[in-house]
Amino acid sequence: MRMSPEEKKELDDWVEKEYPISMKRLEFSNPFHEKGKLLILFGIILYIIYVFSEVNFLLPSSILFLVAGIIMEVIALIKYYRSLSNEN
């Protein structure tokens, strides 16, 4: 599908206007996203260590870190979607 020059200019103008707003939304939820990623990664590492070492307390610990990471990611998504509805 080809775009006419007018449509292309209109799209470029819209992107220029909306891009900074989108970046603000992402920055708002970013701290929760970063913490969530780290918790999930730590849970995976603990599980791998559990598989190779059979240390019993590592399995519940890895599950707790994975669940905590998922909760942090859900919080990040909720903050992001709430920022979508709070257009300023």
Protein backbone atom coordinates (compact mmCIF):
# COMPACT_ATOMS: atom_id res chain seq x y z
CA MET A 1 0.00 0.00 0.00
CA ARG A 2 1.48 3.30 -1.06
CA MET A 3 1.03 6.49 0.89
CA SER A 4 0.59 9.84 -0.69
CA PRO A 5 3.02 12.60 0.32
CA GLU A 6 0.26 14.28 2.32
CA GLU A 7 -0.49 11.07 4.24
CA LYS A 8 3.20 10.52 4.90
CA LYS A 9 3.61 14.07 6.22
CA GLU A 10 0.52 13.67 8.40
CA LEU A 11 1.89 10.41 9.82
CA ASP A 12 5.31 11.98 10.46
CA ASP A 13 3.70 14.90 12.29
CA TRP A 14 1.64 12.53 14.43
CA VAL A 15 4.73 10.48 15.35
CA GLU A 16 6.67 13.63 16.26
CA LYS A 17 3.84 14.68 18.56
CA GLU A 18 3.18 11.27 20.17
CA TYR A 19 6.74 9.91 20.56
CA PRO A 20 7.72 12.06 23.60
CA ILE A 21 4.45 11.17 25.31
CA SER A 22 5.11 7.45 24.77
CA MET A 23 8.64 7.77 26.15
CA LYS A 24 7.28 9.45 29.31
CA ARG A 25 4.85 6.56 29.78
CA LEU A 26 7.66 4.02 29.43
CA GLU A 27 9.90 5.89 31.87
CA PHE A 28 7.06 5.98 34.40
CA SER A 29 6.78 2.17 34.51
CA ASN A 30 10.48 1.46 33.89
CA PRO A 31 11.66 1.12 37.55
CA PHE A 32 9.12 -1.63 38.20
CA HIS A 33 10.00 -3.32 34.92
CA GLU A 34 13.73 -3.31 35.75
CA LYS A 35 13.16 -4.74 39.25
CA GLY A 36 10.80 -7.36 37.84
CA LYS A 37 13.36 -8.49 35.26
CA LEU A 38 16.05 -8.80 37.94
CA LEU A 39 13.80 -10.79 40.28
CA ILE A 40 12.83 -13.19 37.48
CA LEU A 41 16.46 -13.60 36.41
CA PHE A 42 17.51 -14.26 40.02
CA GLY A 43 14.71 -16.85 40.36
CA ILE A 44 15.88 -18.63 37.21
CA ILE A 45 19.47 -18.66 38.43
CA LEU A 46 18.39 -20.06 41.81
CA TYR A 47 16.40 -22.79 40.05
CA ILE A 48 19.37 -23.76 37.88
CA ILE A 49 21.57 -23.96 40.98
CA TYR A 50 18.87 -26.09 42.67
CA VAL A 51 18.77 -28.52 39.74
CA PHE A 52 22.52 -29.08 39.85
CA SER A 53 23.04 -29.02 43.63
CA GLU A 54 19.80 -30.44 45.11
CA VAL A 55 19.87 -27.89 47.96
CA ASN A 56 16.29 -28.04 49.20
CA PHE A 57 15.73 -24.40 50.20
CA LEU A 58 16.62 -23.14 46.72
CA LEU A 59 13.44 -24.46 45.10
CA PRO A 60 10.97 -22.47 47.24
CA SER A 61 13.30 -19.46 47.06
CA SER A 62 13.39 -19.58 43.27
CA ILE A 63 9.61 -19.87 43.12
CA LEU A 64 9.21 -16.87 45.44
CA PHE A 65 11.58 -14.76 43.34
CA LEU A 66 9.79 -15.76 40.13
CA VAL A 67 6.38 -14.88 41.60
CA ALA A 68 7.73 -11.58 42.96
CA GLY A 69 9.19 -10.75 39.53
CA ILE A 70 5.90 -11.52 37.82
CA ILE A 71 4.06 -9.30 40.31
CA MET A 72 6.50 -6.45 39.62
CA GLU A 73 5.97 -6.85 35.87
CA VAL A 74 2.19 -6.76 36.38
CA ILE A 75 2.58 -3.55 38.41
CA ALA A 76 4.68 -2.06 35.60
CA LEU A 77 1.99 -2.94 33.06
CA ILE A 78 -0.75 -1.50 35.26
CA LYS A 79 1.18 1.77 35.66
CA TYR A 80 1.79 1.91 31.90
CA TYR A 81 -1.86 1.35 31.01
CA ARG A 82 -3.03 3.81 33.64
CA SER A 83 -0.73 6.39 32.10
CA LEU A 84 -2.46 5.75 28.77
CA SER A 85 -5.80 6.73 30.25
CA ASN A 86 -4.37 9.83 32.00
CA GLU A 87 -3.74 11.87 28.88
CA ASN A 88 -2.50 15.35 29.74
